[in-house]
C-alpha atoms as a PDB file:
ATOM      1  CA  MET A   1      12.021  22.000  -3.427  1.00  0.00           C
ATOM      2  CA  THR A   2       9.055  19.793  -4.755  1.00  0.00           C
ATOM      3  CA  ALA A   3       7.774  17.503  -2.270  1.00  0.00           C
ATOM      4  CA  LEU A   4       7.302  13.744  -3.240  1.00  0.00           C
ATOM      5  CA  ARG A   5       3.818  12.395  -3.079  1.00  0.00           C
ATOM      6  CA  VAL A   6       3.046   8.724  -2.434  1.00  0.00           C
ATOM      7  CA  VAL A   7      -0.526   7.628  -3.330  1.00  0.00           C
ATOM      8  CA  SER A   8      -1.781   4.429  -1.872  1.00  0.00           C
ATOM      9  CA  TRP A   9      -5.149   3.166  -3.310  1.00  0.00           C
ATOM     10  CA  ASN A  10      -7.108   0.177  -3.829  1.00  0.00           C
ATOM     11  CA  MET A  11      -8.524   0.652  -7.278  1.00  0.00           C
ATOM     12  CA  ALA A  12     -11.325  -1.973  -7.081  1.00  0.00           C
ATOM     13  CA  HIS A  13     -10.273  -3.643 -10.356  1.00  0.00           C
ATOM     14  CA  ARG A  14     -11.938  -0.945 -12.455  1.00  0.00           C
ATOM     15  CA  LEU A  15     -10.116  -0.200 -15.623  1.00  0.00           C
ATOM     16  CA  GLU A  16     -11.583   3.273 -15.626  1.00  0.00           C
ATOM     17  CA  ASN A  17      -9.871   4.145 -12.489  1.00  0.00           C
ATOM     18  CA  TRP A  18      -6.375   4.615 -14.100  1.00  0.00           C
ATOM     19  CA  ASP A  19      -8.056   8.000 -15.322  1.00  0.00           C
ATOM     20  CA  GLU A  20      -8.633   8.763 -11.547  1.00  0.00           C
ATOM     21  CA  LEU A  21      -5.313   7.532 -10.644  1.00  0.00           C
ATOM     22  CA  ARG A  22      -3.784  10.191 -12.972  1.00  0.00           C
ATOM     23  CA  ARG A  23      -5.592  12.880 -11.367  1.00  0.00           C
ATOM     24  CA  LEU A  24      -4.419  11.858  -7.972  1.00  0.00           C
ATOM     25  CA  LEU A  25      -0.830  11.693  -9.003  1.00  0.00           C
ATOM     26  CA  GLY A  26      -1.004  15.132 -10.481  1.00  0.00           C
ATOM     27  CA  THR A  27       1.816  17.051 -12.332  1.00  0.00           C
ATOM     28  CA  GLY A  28       4.624  16.993  -9.893  1.00  0.00           C
ATOM     29  CA  PRO A  29       6.746  13.743  -8.707  1.00  0.00           C
ATOM     30  CA  ALA A  30       4.396  11.107  -7.359  1.00  0.00           C
ATOM     31  CA  ILE A  31       4.277   7.551  -6.681  1.00  0.00           C
ATOM     32  CA  GLY A  32       1.116   5.318  -6.968  1.00  0.00           C
ATOM     33  CA  LEU A  33       1.255   2.222  -4.702  1.00  0.00           C
ATOM     34  CA  VAL A  34      -2.052   0.444  -5.933  1.00  0.00           C
ATOM     35  CA  GLN A  35      -3.846  -2.747  -5.180  1.00  0.00           C
ATOM     36  CA  GLU A  36      -6.694  -4.622  -6.957  1.00  0.00           C
ATOM     37  CA  ALA A  37      -5.344  -2.895 -10.139  1.00  0.00           C
ATOM     38  CA  ALA A  38      -6.871  -4.254 -13.627  1.00  0.00           C
ATOM     39  CA  ASP A  39      -4.377  -4.802 -16.314  1.00  0.00           C
ATOM     40  CA  PRO A  40      -4.064  -1.298 -18.052  1.00  0.00           C
ATOM     41  CA  ALA A  41      -2.514  -2.656 -21.349  1.00  0.00           C
ATOM     42  CA  GLY A  42      -3.453  -0.161 -23.946  1.00  0.00           C
ATOM     43  CA  ARG A  43      -4.822   2.271 -21.668  1.00  0.00           C
ATOM     44  CA  PRO A  44      -3.947   5.765 -23.198  1.00  0.00           C
ATOM     45  CA  SER A  45      -3.983   7.712 -19.627  1.00  0.00           C
ATOM     46  CA  VAL A  46      -1.166   5.427 -18.482  1.00  0.00           C
ATOM     47  CA  GLN A  47       1.097   5.354 -21.433  1.00  0.00           C
ATOM     48  CA  ASP A  48       3.361   8.072 -19.954  1.00  0.00           C
ATOM     49  CA  LEU A  49       3.540   6.514 -16.489  1.00  0.00           C
ATOM     50  CA  SER A  50       6.270   3.982 -15.494  1.00  0.00           C
ATOM     51  CA  LEU A  51       4.371   0.931 -14.371  1.00  0.00           C
ATOM     52  CA  MET A  52       5.760  -1.932 -12.341  1.00  0.00           C
ATOM     53  CA  PRO A  53       3.074  -4.753 -11.907  1.00  0.00           C
ATOM     54  CA  GLY A  54       3.536  -7.336  -9.115  1.00  0.00           C
ATOM     55  CA  GLY A  55       3.005 -11.064  -9.388  1.00  0.00           C
ATOM     56  CA  VAL A  56       4.881 -13.368 -11.593  1.00  0.00           C
ATOM     57  CA  GLU A  57       4.773 -14.565 -15.097  1.00  0.00           C
ATOM     58  CA  PRO A  58       2.753 -15.901 -16.852  1.00  0.00           C
ATOM     59  CA  HIS A  59      -0.128 -14.107 -14.956  1.00  0.00           C
ATOM     60  CA  PRO A  60       1.396 -10.936 -13.702  1.00  0.00           C
ATOM     61  CA  TRP A  61      -1.976  -9.356 -12.868  1.00  0.00           C
ATOM     62  CA  SER A  62      -3.287 -12.268 -10.746  1.00  0.00           C
ATOM     63  CA  THR A  63      -3.128 -12.499  -6.936  1.00  0.00           C
ATOM     64  CA  ARG A  64      -2.514 -16.144  -7.349  1.00  0.00           C
ATOM     65  CA  ALA A  65      -1.167 -17.784 -10.741  1.00  0.00           C
ATOM     66  CA  GLY A  66      -4.229 -19.284 -12.394  1.00  0.00           C
ATOM     67  CA  SER A  67      -6.569 -17.318 -10.218  1.00  0.00           C
ATOM     68  CA  LEU A  68      -9.971 -16.068 -11.521  1.00  0.00           C
ATOM     69  CA  ARG A  69      -9.250 -12.627  -9.868  1.00  0.00           C
ATOM     70  CA  SER A  70      -7.364 -10.569 -12.616  1.00  0.00           C
ATOM     71  CA  TRP A  71      -6.115  -7.703 -10.566  1.00  0.00           C
ATOM     72  CA  SER A  72      -2.963  -7.286  -8.373  1.00  0.00           C
ATOM     73  CA  THR A  73      -0.464  -4.849  -6.738  1.00  0.00           C
ATOM     74  CA  ALA A  74       1.678  -2.448  -8.828  1.00  0.00           C
ATOM     75  CA  VAL A  75       3.981   0.544  -8.532  1.00  0.00           C
ATOM     76  CA  VAL A  76       3.310   3.453 -10.695  1.00  0.00           C
ATOM     77  CA  ALA A  77       5.418   6.726 -11.055  1.00  0.00           C
ATOM     78  CA  THR A  78       5.083  10.020 -12.883  1.00  0.00           C
ATOM     79  CA  SER A  79       7.523  10.724 -15.757  1.00  0.00           C
ATOM     80  CA  ASP A  80       9.862  12.743 -13.443  1.00  0.00           C
ATOM     81  CA  VAL A  81      10.559   9.920 -11.171  1.00  0.00           C
ATOM     82  CA  VAL A  82      13.257   7.402 -11.825  1.00  0.00           C
ATOM     83  CA  CYS A  83      12.447   3.784 -10.832  1.00  0.00           C
ATOM     84  CA  ARG A  84      14.427   0.639 -10.420  1.00  0.00           C
ATOM     85  CA  VAL A  85      12.632  -2.729  -9.834  1.00  0.00           C
ATOM     86  CA  PRO A  86      14.637  -4.770  -7.351  1.00  0.00           C
ATOM     87  CA  SER A  87      15.352  -8.448  -7.843  1.00  0.00           C
ATOM     88  CA  GLN A  88      12.149 -10.210  -6.923  1.00  0.00           C
ATOM     89  CA  VAL A  89      12.182 -14.062  -7.189  1.00  0.00           C
ATOM     90  CA  ALA A  90      10.149 -17.091  -6.033  1.00  0.00           C
ATOM     91  CA  VAL A  91      10.715 -17.413  -2.206  1.00  0.00           C
ATOM     92  CA  GLN A  92      12.654 -20.926  -2.825  1.00  0.00           C
ATOM     93  CA  ASP A  93      14.996 -19.112  -5.195  1.00  0.00           C
ATOM     94  CA  ALA A  94      15.550 -16.115  -3.036  1.00  0.00           C
ATOM     95  CA  THR A  95      19.449 -15.636  -1.902  1.00  0.00           C
ATOM     96  CA  GLY A  96      21.354 -12.692  -0.540  1.00  0.00           C
ATOM     97  CA  ASP A  97      19.633  -9.394  -1.250  1.00  0.00           C
ATOM     98  CA  ASP A  98      16.794 -10.751  -3.367  1.00  0.00           C
ATOM     99  CA  LEU A  99      13.294  -9.859  -2.358  1.00  0.00           C
ATOM    100  CA  ALA A 100      11.178 -12.997  -2.242  1.00  0.00           C
ATOM    101  CA  LEU A 101       7.790 -13.380  -3.588  1.00  0.00           C
ATOM    102  CA  SER A 102       5.972 -15.985  -1.662  1.00  0.00           C
ATOM    103  CA  HIS A 103       2.264 -15.062  -2.514  1.00  0.00           C
ATOM    104  CA  PRO A 104       2.029 -13.612  -6.210  1.00  0.00           C
ATOM    105  CA  GLY A 105       0.171 -10.405  -6.240  1.00  0.00           C
ATOM    106  CA  SER A 106       0.541  -9.602  -2.507  1.00  0.00           C
ATOM    107  CA  TYR A 107       3.112  -6.744  -2.995  1.00  0.00           C
ATOM    108  CA  ALA A 108       5.066  -4.876  -5.670  1.00  0.00           C
ATOM    109  CA  ALA A 109       8.244  -2.883  -4.949  1.00  0.00           C
ATOM    110  CA  ALA A 110      10.532  -0.383  -6.488  1.00  0.00           C
ATOM    111  CA  GLU A 111      13.396   1.974  -5.747  1.00  0.00           C
ATOM    112  CA  VAL A 112      12.520   5.467  -6.757  1.00  0.00           C
ATOM    113  CA  SER A 113      14.359   8.767  -6.954  1.00  0.00           C
ATOM    114  CA  ILE A 114      14.174  12.363  -8.072  1.00  0.00           C
ATOM    115  CA  PRO A 115      16.285  15.348  -7.783  1.00  0.00           C
ATOM    116  CA  GLY A 116      16.617  16.534  -4.200  1.00  0.00           C
ATOM    117  CA  HIS A 117      15.546  13.106  -2.579  1.00  0.00           C
ATOM    118  CA  ASP A 118      17.606  10.069  -1.874  1.00  0.00           C
ATOM    119  CA  ALA A 119      16.750   6.826  -3.315  1.00  0.00           C
ATOM    120  CA  LEU A 120      13.442   5.670  -1.698  1.00  0.00           C
ATOM    121  CA  GLY A 121      12.225   2.269  -1.226  1.00  0.00           C
ATOM    122  CA  VAL A 122       8.365   1.801  -1.719  1.00  0.00           C
ATOM    123  CA  ALA A 123       5.964  -1.296  -1.645  1.00  0.00           C
ATOM    124  CA  SER A 124       2.488  -1.718  -2.393  1.00  0.00           C
ATOM    125  CA  MET A 125       1.189  -4.082   0.200  1.00  0.00           C
ATOM    126  CA  TYR A 126      -2.099  -5.968  -0.426  1.00  0.00           C
ATOM    127  CA  GLY A 127      -3.548  -8.395   2.450  1.00  0.00           C
ATOM    128  CA  VAL A 128      -4.838 -11.010   0.188  1.00  0.00           C
ATOM    129  CA  TRP A 129      -7.608 -13.036   1.651  1.00  0.00           C
ATOM    130  CA  ASP A 130      -6.654 -16.575   1.991  1.00  0.00           C
ATOM    131  CA  ARG A 131      -9.461 -19.004   2.742  1.00  0.00           C
ATOM    132  CA  GLN A 132      -9.073 -22.369   4.337  1.00  0.00           C
ATOM    133  CA  GLU A 133     -11.777 -25.097   4.868  1.00  0.00           C
ATOM    134  CA  GLY A 134     -13.221 -25.001   8.551  1.00  0.00           C
ATOM    135  CA  ILE A 135     -11.162 -21.823   9.441  1.00  0.00           C
ATOM    136  CA  GLY A 136     -12.485 -19.043   7.452  1.00  0.00           C
ATOM    137  CA  SER A 137     -10.685 -15.982   6.021  1.00  0.00           C
ATOM    138  CA  TYR A 138      -7.575 -14.562   7.120  1.00  0.00           C
ATOM    139  CA  SER A 139      -5.210 -11.788   5.696  1.00  0.00           C
ATOM    140  CA  GLU A 140      -2.686 -11.547   8.277  1.00  0.00           C
ATOM    141  CA  ALA A 141      -1.000 -14.701   6.950  1.00  0.00           C
ATOM    142  CA  THR A 142      -0.385 -13.157   3.469  1.00  0.00           C
ATOM    143  CA  LEU A 143       0.882  -9.930   5.213  1.00  0.00           C
ATOM    144  CA  HIS A 144       3.305 -11.771   7.326  1.00  0.00           C
ATOM    145  CA  ARG A 145       4.681 -13.512   4.245  1.00  0.00           C
ATOM    146  CA  THR A 146       5.238 -10.240   2.426  1.00  0.00           C
ATOM    147  CA  ILE A 147       6.951  -8.854   5.565  1.00  0.00           C
ATOM    148  CA  SER A 148       9.294 -11.894   5.337  1.00  0.00           C
ATOM    149  CA  ASP A 149       9.869 -11.263   1.524  1.00  0.00           C
ATOM    150  CA  LEU A 150      10.869  -7.662   2.119  1.00  0.00           C
ATOM    151  CA  THR A 151      13.221  -8.483   5.001  1.00  0.00           C
ATOM    152  CA  PRO A 152      16.301  -7.551   3.080  1.00  0.00           C
ATOM    153  CA  TRP A 153      15.005  -3.873   2.722  1.00  0.00           C
ATOM    154  CA  LEU A 154      13.656  -3.841   6.201  1.00  0.00           C
ATOM    155  CA  HIS A 155      17.372  -4.641   7.447  1.00  0.00           C
ATOM    156  CA  ARG A 156      18.973  -2.641   4.843  1.00  0.00           C
ATOM    157  CA  PRO A 157      16.647   0.123   3.351  1.00  0.00           C
ATOM    158  CA  PRO A 158      17.631   2.424   0.459  1.00  0.00           C
ATOM    159  CA  ALA A 159      19.383   5.729   1.821  1.00  0.00           C
ATOM    160  CA  GLY A 160      16.102   7.665   1.664  1.00  0.00           C
ATOM    161  CA  GLY A 161      14.202   5.152   3.586  1.00  0.00           C
ATOM    162  CA  LEU A 162      11.267   2.801   3.140  1.00  0.00           C
ATOM    163  CA  VAL A 163       7.524   3.370   2.688  1.00  0.00           C
ATOM    164  CA  ILE A 164       5.046   0.386   2.749  1.00  0.00           C
ATOM    165  CA  ALA A 165       1.419   1.211   2.181  1.00  0.00           C
ATOM    166  CA  GLY A 166      -1.613  -0.429   0.958  1.00  0.00           C
ATOM    167  CA  ASP A 167      -4.892  -2.020   1.682  1.00  0.00           C
ATOM    168  CA  PHE A 168      -3.994  -4.410   4.700  1.00  0.00           C
ATOM    169  CA  ASN A 169      -7.559  -5.915   4.977  1.00  0.00           C
ATOM    170  CA  CYS A 170      -7.146  -5.786   8.682  1.00  0.00           C
ATOM    171  CA  TYR A 171      -8.015  -3.487  11.673  1.00  0.00           C
ATOM    172  CA  LEU A 172      -5.611  -1.518  13.866  1.00  0.00           C
ATOM    173  CA  ASP A 173      -6.526  -1.126  17.456  1.00  0.00           C
ATOM    174  CA  TYR A 174      -9.928  -2.114  17.172  1.00  0.00           C
ATOM    175  CA  GLY A 175      -9.941  -3.364  20.755  1.00  0.00           C
ATOM    176  CA  ASP A 176     -11.658  -6.541  20.111  1.00  0.00           C
ATOM    177  CA  TRP A 177     -10.815 -10.042  19.683  1.00  0.00           C
ATOM    178  CA  TRP A 178      -9.481  -9.575  16.181  1.00  0.00           C
ATOM    179  CA  ASP A 179      -6.436  -7.544  17.744  1.00  0.00           C
ATOM    180  CA  GLY A 180      -4.583 -10.616  18.726  1.00  0.00           C
ATOM    181  CA  ARG A 181      -4.488 -11.664  15.112  1.00  0.00           C
ATOM    182  CA  TYR A 182      -3.973  -8.418  13.310  1.00  0.00           C
ATOM    183  CA  MET A 183      -1.803  -6.589  15.807  1.00  0.00           C
ATOM    184  CA  THR A 184       0.989  -9.176  15.023  1.00  0.00           C
ATOM    185  CA  VAL A 185       1.405  -7.528  11.774  1.00  0.00           C
ATOM    186  CA  PHE A 186       1.556  -4.081  13.019  1.00  0.00           C
ATOM    187  CA  ASN A 187       3.761  -4.996  16.015  1.00  0.00           C
ATOM    188  CA  ARG A 188       6.076  -6.739  13.601  1.00  0.00           C
ATOM    189  CA  LEU A 189       6.401  -3.743  11.271  1.00  0.00           C
ATOM    190  CA  ASN A 190       7.061  -1.521  14.388  1.00  0.00           C
ATOM    191  CA  ALA A 191       9.846  -4.126  15.369  1.00  0.00           C
ATOM    192  CA  TYR A 192      11.610  -3.563  12.149  1.00  0.00           C
ATOM    193  CA  GLY A 193      11.611   0.133  12.782  1.00  0.00           C
ATOM    194  CA  LEU A 194       8.819   1.099  10.773  1.00  0.00           C
ATOM    195  CA  ASP A 195       6.164   3.606  12.113  1.00  0.00           C
ATOM    196  CA  LEU A 196       2.589   4.465  11.361  1.00  0.00           C
ATOM    197  CA  LEU A 197       2.434   7.413   9.034  1.00  0.00           C
ATOM    198  CA  GLY A 198      -1.236   7.608   8.990  1.00  0.00           C
ATOM    199  CA  PRO A 199      -3.909   8.280   8.246  1.00  0.00           C
ATOM    200  CA  THR A 200      -4.792   9.209  11.767  1.00  0.00           C
ATOM    201  CA  GLY A 201      -7.654  11.037  13.051  1.00  0.00           C
ATOM    202  CA  THR A 202      -7.570  14.063  15.615  1.00  0.00           C
ATOM    203  CA  GLU A 203     -10.855  12.971  17.452  1.00  0.00           C
ATOM    204  CA  PRO A 204     -13.074   9.849  17.602  1.00  0.00           C
ATOM    205  CA  LEU A 205     -14.463   8.715  14.385  1.00  0.00           C
ATOM    206  CA  ALA A 206     -18.193   9.012  14.342  1.00  0.00           C
ATOM    207  CA  GLY A 207     -19.746   5.649  13.948  1.00  0.00           C
ATOM    208  CA  CYS A 208     -16.521   3.782  14.293  1.00  0.00           C
ATOM    209  CA  PRO A 209     -17.287   0.014  15.103  1.00  0.00           C
ATOM    210  CA  CYS A 210     -14.114  -0.067  17.141  1.00  0.00           C
ATOM    211  CA  ARG A 211     -14.307  -0.350  21.110  1.00  0.00           C
ATOM    212  CA  LEU A 212     -11.901   2.512  21.683  1.00  0.00           C
ATOM    213  CA  GLY A 213     -14.382   5.056  22.650  1.00  0.00           C
ATOM    214  CA  PRO A 214     -12.867   8.564  23.211  1.00  0.00           C
ATOM    215  CA  ALA A 215      -9.419   7.133  22.350  1.00  0.00           C
ATOM    216  CA  CYS A 216     -10.405   6.241  18.840  1.00  0.00           C
ATOM    217  CA  ARG A 217      -8.308   7.998  16.169  1.00  0.00           C
ATOM    218  CA  HIS A 218      -9.512   6.023  13.198  1.00  0.00           C
ATOM    219  CA  VAL A 219      -9.990   7.452   9.745  1.00  0.00           C
ATOM    220  CA  GLN A 220     -12.544   5.797   7.310  1.00  0.00           C
ATOM    221  CA  THR A 221     -10.771   4.399   4.290  1.00  0.00           C
ATOM    222  CA  TYR A 222     -13.304   1.550   3.340  1.00  0.00           C
ATOM    223  CA  ALA A 223     -17.064   1.496   2.626  1.00  0.00           C
ATOM    224  CA  HIS A 224     -18.899  -1.817   1.914  1.00  0.00           C
ATOM    225  CA  HIS A 225     -20.561  -2.059  -1.465  1.00  0.00           C
ATOM    226  CA  HIS A 226     -19.259   1.655  -2.053  1.00  0.00           C
ATOM    227  CA  SER A 227     -21.941   2.932   0.552  1.00  0.00           C
ATOM    228  CA  ALA A 228     -20.822   5.940   2.524  1.00  0.00           C
ATOM    229  CA  ASN A 229     -23.705   4.929   4.830  1.00  0.00           C
ATOM    230  CA  SER A 230     -21.784   1.603   5.931  1.00  0.00           C
ATOM    231  CA  LYS A 231     -19.852   1.406   9.114  1.00  0.00           C
ATOM    232  CA  PRO A 232     -16.641   3.371   8.677  1.00  0.00           C
ATOM    233  CA  PHE A 233     -13.882   0.840   8.599  1.00  0.00           C
ATOM    234  CA  GLN A 234     -10.027   1.776   8.315  1.00  0.00           C
ATOM    235  CA  LEU A 235      -8.240  -1.008   6.211  1.00  0.00           C
ATOM    236  CA  ASP A 236      -5.587   1.302   4.517  1.00  0.00           C
ATOM    237  CA  PHE A 237      -2.396   2.239   6.161  1.00  0.00           C
ATOM    238  CA  ALA A 238       1.281   3.749   5.371  1.00  0.00           C
ATOM    239  CA  PHE A 239       4.274   3.064   7.391  1.00  0.00           C
ATOM    240  CA  GLY A 240       7.805   4.421   7.081  1.00  0.00           C
ATOM    241  CA  ASP A 241      10.971   4.171   8.820  1.00  0.00           C
ATOM    242  CA  ALA A 242      12.934   6.932  10.797  1.00  0.00           C
ATOM    243  CA  ALA A 243      14.373   8.506   7.515  1.00  0.00           C
ATOM    244  CA  VAL A 244      10.947   8.865   6.067  1.00  0.00           C
ATOM    245  CA  VAL A 245       9.265   9.914   9.382  1.00  0.00           C
ATOM    246  CA  SER A 246      12.056  12.635   9.591  1.00  0.00           C
ATOM    247  CA  ARG A 247      10.694  14.097   6.063  1.00  0.00           C
ATOM    248  CA  LEU A 248       6.910  13.554   6.822  1.00  0.00           C
ATOM    249  CA  ILE A 249       4.574  16.497   5.739  1.00  0.00           C
ATOM    250  CA  ASP A 250       1.326  14.804   5.810  1.00  0.00           C
ATOM    251  CA  CYS A 251      -0.459  11.410   5.537  1.00  0.00           C
ATOM    252  CA  ALA A 252      -4.189  11.581   4.914  1.00  0.00           C
ATOM    253  CA  VAL A 253      -7.117  10.459   2.897  1.00  0.00           C
ATOM    254  CA  ASP A 254      -7.335  12.448  -0.339  1.00  0.00           C
ATOM    255  CA  PRO A 255      -9.896  15.082   0.491  1.00  0.00           C
ATOM    256  CA  ASP A 256     -11.549  15.057  -2.962  1.00  0.00           C
ATOM    257  CA  ALA A 257     -12.212  11.389  -3.359  1.00  0.00           C
ATOM    258  CA  ASP A 258     -15.325   9.643  -2.673  1.00  0.00           C
ATOM    259  CA  PHE A 259     -16.677   5.992  -2.847  1.00  0.00           C
ATOM    260  CA  GLU A 260     -18.004   6.184  -6.317  1.00  0.00           C
ATOM    261  CA  ALA A 261     -14.812   5.134  -7.814  1.00  0.00           C
ATOM    262  CA  SER A 262     -13.717   2.455  -5.389  1.00  0.00           C
ATOM    263  CA  ASP A 263     -14.728   1.044  -2.140  1.00  0.00           C
ATOM    264  CA  HIS A 264     -11.459   2.356  -0.779  1.00  0.00           C
ATOM    265  CA  LEU A 265     -10.266   5.982  -0.484  1.00  0.00           C
ATOM    266  CA  PRO A 266      -6.680   6.931  -1.632  1.00  0.00           C
ATOM    267  CA  VAL A 267      -4.224   7.574   1.067  1.00  0.00           C
ATOM    268  CA  VAL A 268      -1.678  10.347   0.370  1.00  0.00           C
ATOM    269  CA  THR A 269       1.657  10.486   1.893  1.00  0.00           C
ATOM    270  CA  THR A 270       3.607  13.824   1.248  1.00  0.00           C
ATOM    271  CA  LEU A 271       7.569  13.875   2.009  1.00  0.00           C
ATOM    272  CA  ARG A 272       9.895  16.967   1.809  1.00  0.00           C
ATOM    273  CA  GLY A 273      13.159  16.482   0.229  1.00  0.00           C
ATOM    274  CA  SER A 274      16.159  14.765   1.878  1.00  0.00           C
ATOM    275  CA  ASP A 275      18.280  17.971   2.122  1.00  0.00           C
ATOM    276  CA  GLU A 276      15.639  20.222   3.526  1.00  0.00           C
END
C-alpha cells in the first residue's frame, strides 16, 4: 500500500519555491502544509495541485487583512488526494463544529483522504509574530489562538487522526527562560492528546544554542539569513494524535534540501495506511 507523505515547509514567500514544493511532494499521494506562501495564481507548476489557502477574503494571502506581508498558510495536495475544507469562520461567528479563525493567516486546514487511509485532518500552523509597544515580539499568543480555533478537531478528530505541523517560531525544551512561554504551547498540544512526531535527533545537535547539553535532541530546521553557518535553531515541528502515531513511519527533515531556497528546511512525515 502506498504511504502518505505530509510535507511541512516555510516557503519564505518566494514564488519560485512552488517548483521546489512540487519536487518535495513527488509522484505519490502527498500533502503540503506550507507557511509564508506567496500567492501562486497562474503558476504553471501548481495548476494540477489542490490548493486551499488560509486567511479570509478579501486578503486570502495575508497574515492579517490589509497587512503588507503578502504570504500566508495553505494546504496543498497531489491529484490523488481528495480534500475537503472544513467550515472556517471568523471567531465571533463560530458555532458547533465550525473551525474558528481568530488570526487570519495563522493556519489552514483540510480533511484529506486517499484509498487505504481513513480521512485525516491536517493543519498548517504558522506562529505569526505579534508586536506590542513596550513588550516586543511574541509568537505563542498566535499559536494559542490557533489551538483554540482547532478545538472541535482536537475533541473530535477525523477517523484517520490529526496532524498539525508548521513553523511555530518558538523553541522546544531549550532549557532557558523562553521555556516558560513557549512550553505552554507544546504542553497544551500534549494535553489535547497530540504527541511530537518530530523531527527529533538521535544525538546532541552540534552548535545548538540550547542549554540541554548531552540531552539535546534538536534538529536544525532554521538558518538565519539562509546561512548554514548561523546557530542551528529548530522552529519547525509536526504533532499527531494516537491514530497518527500508530501509523508513523518517519518524521525527518528532507535530506536533499538546503537553505538556498528558504531559511527553513522542509519536514516530511510519512504514514502507513490505516489498514496496515
